[in-house]
Amino acid sequence: MKTSNRPRVRRLLLAGIAVAAAPALTAAQGGAGAGAGAALQEQATFCDGTYALCIKAPCEPIPTLARLLNYEVDHALCSCDVVTGWSMGPGACEDRAPVTQGGRTYLISTYSNLYNDEEKTLACDSRDTVWAWCYGAPCVVDENDPSRAVCTCPIDVGPSRTLGGGCRQDACEGIWSAATPAGDVFANKHYYDWMKKNQPDVTVNPPAPACPAGSGSGGS
């Protein structure tokens, strides 16, 4: 059997985030830390248009080399979907519209409940959980597949909730686009309530259910 080096990689990643990237992580937590619910409420403009949806996106760390040869990881590259419809996010709608520059199309990652009818919420409760905060992150559309985009999302560490991972607890060892528990509850409920009230003719999914207790660690 092939031996996995995931635990060692994870320890190195955590060390790089906690020590070398402390200033950047502090900045990232301004949107995704304990005040995530409040931050979302203050930056929850609803727009009808094309956006990147990262609520179940797998991510890979982006290493950088700072001064004094210190490696740090304060962002991740997340693989997201490009969809059209209503979404909730920061900034004015005109500022979130896709832009084409140099032959590439750029857009913003925002939030919707689009996948709540097919995915469940995975709880990663460890304080050492490494996850990506993609709300409002910049993205570029895949030139070969316009239904996909990659987004650069700041890294955070702590308990999180995501629609990614297929309800496998061992998926929490990877990096997923996610939110704090409080932010996840707010986003799910606020999006559903706002859409039902303001866009009653548009089909909207209710908040996603939690993964069943005792979900296995294995995958198919």
Protein backbone atom coordinates (compact mmCIF):
# COMPACT_ATOMS: atom_id res chain seq x y z
CA MET A 1 0.00 0.00 0.00
CA LYS A 2 1.28 3.45 -0.84
CA THR A 3 2.06 5.51 2.24
CA SER A 4 0.45 8.95 2.37
CA ASN A 5 2.50 11.97 3.42
CA ARG A 6 -0.65 14.03 4.08
CA PRO A 7 -0.09 14.38 7.88
CA ARG A 8 3.43 15.72 7.34
CA VAL A 9 2.29 18.11 4.61
CA ARG A 10 -0.54 19.32 6.85
CA ARG A 11 1.85 19.97 9.76
CA LEU A 12 4.13 21.97 7.50
CA LEU A 13 1.17 23.91 6.11
CA LEU A 14 -0.13 24.76 9.57
CA ALA A 15 3.31 25.86 10.69
CA GLY A 16 3.70 28.08 7.65
CA ILE A 17 0.33 29.71 8.21
CA ALA A 18 0.68 30.19 11.97
CA VAL A 19 4.20 31.61 11.96
CA ALA A 20 5.30 33.05 8.63
CA ALA A 21 1.92 34.26 7.43
CA ALA A 22 0.59 35.72 10.67
CA PRO A 23 0.03 39.30 9.34
CA ALA A 24 -1.76 38.09 6.22
CA LEU A 25 -3.86 35.63 8.19
CA THR A 26 -4.94 38.38 10.55
CA ALA A 27 -6.12 40.43 7.58
CA ALA A 28 -8.00 37.46 6.13
CA GLN A 29 -9.74 36.81 9.43
CA GLY A 30 -11.17 40.31 9.30
CA GLY A 31 -13.79 38.88 6.97
CA ALA A 32 -13.87 35.28 8.08
CA GLY A 33 -13.19 35.21 11.81
CA ALA A 34 -15.57 35.36 14.75
CA GLY A 35 -17.47 38.27 13.19
CA ALA A 36 -18.25 36.46 9.94
CA GLY A 37 -21.99 36.76 10.43
CA ALA A 38 -21.77 40.51 10.94
CA ALA A 39 -19.40 40.92 8.00
CA LEU A 40 -21.74 38.99 5.73
CA GLN A 41 -24.71 41.09 6.81
CA GLU A 42 -22.81 44.26 5.99
CA GLN A 43 -21.70 42.95 2.60
CA ALA A 44 -24.70 41.01 1.30
CA THR A 45 -25.84 42.71 -1.90
CA PHE A 46 -28.07 40.56 -4.11
CA CYS A 47 -27.43 40.59 -7.86
CA ASP A 48 -28.73 38.68 -10.87
CA GLY A 49 -25.81 37.85 -13.14
CA THR A 50 -22.82 35.59 -13.75
CA TYR A 51 -20.62 34.70 -10.79
CA ALA A 52 -18.21 32.08 -9.46
CA LEU A 53 -19.76 29.67 -6.97
CA CYS A 54 -17.23 28.10 -4.61
CA ILE A 55 -19.39 26.65 -1.84
CA LYS A 56 -18.08 23.13 -2.46
CA ALA A 57 -14.76 23.94 -4.10
CA PRO A 58 -11.58 21.98 -3.38
CA CYS A 59 -8.51 24.17 -2.97
CA GLU A 60 -4.74 23.92 -3.15
CA PRO A 61 -2.30 26.06 -1.11
CA ILE A 62 -0.35 28.79 -2.89
CA PRO A 63 3.18 28.97 -1.43
CA THR A 64 5.11 32.22 -1.51
CA LEU A 65 8.64 33.11 -0.44
CA ALA A 66 8.91 36.17 1.78
CA ARG A 67 11.95 38.02 2.99
CA LEU A 68 14.60 36.11 4.98
CA LEU A 69 13.67 32.96 3.04
CA ASN A 70 10.47 32.46 5.00
CA TYR A 71 7.88 30.38 3.17
CA GLU A 72 4.27 31.26 3.78
CA VAL A 73 0.84 30.14 2.69
CA ASP A 74 -1.84 32.78 3.10
CA HIS A 75 -3.96 32.05 0.03
CA ALA A 76 -5.33 29.02 -1.78
CA LEU A 77 -6.36 28.41 -5.38
CA CYS A 78 -9.90 27.03 -5.47
CA SER A 79 -11.67 25.30 -8.35
CA CYS A 80 -15.15 26.82 -8.66
CA ASP A 81 -18.17 26.76 -10.96
CA VAL A 82 -19.30 29.61 -13.21
CA VAL A 83 -23.07 30.00 -12.98
CA THR A 84 -25.69 32.61 -13.85
CA GLY A 85 -28.50 33.66 -11.55
CA TRP A 86 -29.05 35.36 -8.23
CA SER A 87 -26.18 35.53 -5.76
CA MET A 88 -25.26 37.35 -2.57
CA GLY A 89 -21.91 39.07 -2.22
CA PRO A 90 -19.90 42.19 -1.42
CA GLY A 91 -19.87 45.23 -3.69
CA ALA A 92 -22.26 46.78 -6.17
CA CYS A 93 -23.72 44.62 -8.93
CA GLU A 94 -21.94 46.57 -11.68
CA ASP A 95 -18.62 45.97 -9.93
CA ARG A 96 -19.25 42.23 -9.82
CA ALA A 97 -20.02 41.83 -13.52
CA PRO A 98 -17.51 39.71 -15.49
CA VAL A 99 -14.70 41.69 -17.14
CA THR A 100 -12.56 40.61 -20.10
CA GLN A 101 -8.95 41.81 -20.08
CA GLY A 102 -6.08 40.52 -22.19
CA GLY A 103 -8.24 37.76 -23.61
CA ARG A 104 -9.22 36.39 -20.20
CA THR A 105 -12.52 36.74 -18.34
CA TYR A 106 -12.46 37.71 -14.67
CA LEU A 107 -15.29 37.65 -12.14
CA ILE A 108 -16.03 37.53 -8.41
CA SER A 109 -16.89 34.62 -6.15
CA THR A 110 -20.22 35.14 -4.40
CA TYR A 111 -22.77 32.97 -2.61
CA SER A 112 -25.99 31.18 -3.45
CA ASN A 113 -27.91 28.11 -2.25
CA LEU A 114 -27.78 26.51 -5.70
CA TYR A 115 -26.31 23.20 -4.56
CA ASN A 116 -28.25 22.85 -1.31
CA ASP A 117 -30.60 20.31 -2.91
CA GLU A 118 -27.76 17.91 -3.73
CA GLU A 119 -25.09 18.45 -1.05
CA LYS A 120 -25.00 18.40 2.74
CA THR A 121 -22.98 20.54 5.13
CA LEU A 122 -19.76 18.99 6.38
CA ALA A 123 -18.71 20.18 9.84
CA CYS A 124 -14.94 20.44 10.36
CA ASP A 125 -14.73 21.33 14.03
CA SER A 126 -11.01 21.12 14.76
CA ARG A 127 -9.31 24.38 15.66
CA ASP A 128 -6.54 23.31 13.27
CA THR A 129 -8.81 23.04 10.22
CA VAL A 130 -7.28 24.90 7.28
CA TRP A 131 -9.90 26.34 4.94
CA ALA A 132 -10.38 29.04 2.29
CA TRP A 133 -12.63 32.11 2.52
CA CYS A 134 -13.80 32.69 -1.07
CA TYR A 135 -16.59 35.21 -0.47
CA GLY A 136 -15.72 38.17 -2.71
CA ALA A 137 -12.53 36.53 -4.02
CA PRO A 138 -11.21 37.30 -7.54
CA CYS A 139 -11.50 34.55 -10.14
CA VAL A 140 -10.49 33.84 -13.72
CA VAL A 141 -12.58 31.71 -16.08
CA ASP A 142 -10.96 28.57 -17.51
CA GLU A 143 -10.11 29.28 -21.15
CA ASN A 144 -10.87 25.67 -22.10
CA ASP A 145 -14.04 25.29 -20.02
CA PRO A 146 -16.12 28.45 -19.49
CA SER A 147 -18.22 26.64 -16.87
CA ARG A 148 -15.21 26.57 -14.53
CA ALA A 149 -13.05 29.21 -12.83
CA VAL A 150 -10.16 29.29 -10.40
CA CYS A 151 -10.32 31.75 -7.52
CA THR A 152 -7.62 33.09 -5.20
CA CYS A 153 -9.02 32.88 -1.67
CA PRO A 154 -7.42 33.87 1.65
CA ILE A 155 -6.64 31.06 4.07
CA ASP A 156 -8.14 30.80 7.54
CA VAL A 157 -7.68 28.27 10.35
CA GLY A 158 -10.40 27.09 12.73
CA PRO A 159 -13.79 25.35 12.76
CA SER A 160 -15.55 25.56 9.40
CA ARG A 161 -18.54 24.43 7.36
CA THR A 162 -18.50 23.43 3.69
CA LEU A 163 -20.64 21.67 1.09
CA GLY A 164 -17.47 20.00 -0.18
CA GLY A 165 -15.99 16.73 0.96
CA GLY A 166 -18.94 14.42 0.37
CA CYS A 167 -19.70 14.16 4.10
CA ARG A 168 -16.36 12.41 4.70
CA GLN A 169 -14.72 13.52 7.93
CA ASP A 170 -11.27 12.79 6.53
CA ALA A 171 -12.00 15.42 3.87
CA CYS A 172 -11.44 18.00 6.63
CA GLU A 173 -7.72 17.23 6.25
CA GLY A 174 -7.80 18.97 2.86
CA ILE A 175 -8.55 22.60 2.05
CA TRP A 176 -12.09 23.49 1.01
CA SER A 177 -13.87 26.73 0.34
CA ALA A 178 -15.85 27.17 3.53
CA ALA A 179 -17.23 29.54 6.16
CA THR A 180 -17.25 29.75 9.93
CA PRO A 181 -20.16 27.92 11.58
CA ALA A 182 -21.87 31.25 12.32
CA GLY A 183 -21.23 32.56 8.82
CA ASP A 184 -22.61 29.39 7.25
CA VAL A 185 -25.83 29.59 9.28
CA PHE A 186 -26.32 33.25 8.39
CA ALA A 187 -25.60 32.85 4.68
CA ASN A 188 -27.93 29.88 4.26
CA LYS A 189 -30.84 31.48 6.09
CA HIS A 190 -30.40 35.05 4.84
CA TYR A 191 -30.13 34.01 1.19
CA TYR A 192 -33.24 31.82 1.44
CA ASP A 193 -35.32 34.41 3.33
CA TRP A 194 -34.32 37.30 1.04
CA MET A 195 -35.05 35.37 -2.14
CA LYS A 196 -38.43 34.11 -0.91
CA LYS A 197 -39.43 37.66 0.00
CA ASN A 198 -37.96 39.64 -2.89
CA GLN A 199 -37.88 37.10 -5.76
CA PRO A 200 -40.86 34.81 -5.08
CA ASP A 201 -41.01 33.57 -8.68
CA VAL A 202 -37.45 32.22 -8.55
CA THR A 203 -36.92 28.68 -7.24
CA VAL A 204 -34.63 28.75 -4.22
CA ASN A 205 -33.32 25.92 -2.10
CA PRO A 206 -33.71 26.00 1.70
CA PRO A 207 -30.65 25.83 3.97
CA ALA A 208 -28.56 22.71 3.39
CA PRO A 209 -28.99 19.87 5.90
CA ALA A 210 -26.05 18.70 7.95
CA CYS A 211 -24.16 15.55 7.09
CA PRO A 212 -25.55 12.60 9.04
CA ALA A 213 -23.89 11.83 12.34
CA GLY A 214 -21.20 9.19 12.08
CA SER A 215 -20.48 9.80 8.41
CA GLY A 216 -17.68 7.49 7.34
CA SER A 217 -14.16 8.48 6.43
CA GLY A 218 -13.97 6.38 3.31
CA GLY A 219 -14.86 7.44 -0.20
CA SER A 220 -16.15 5.68 -3.25
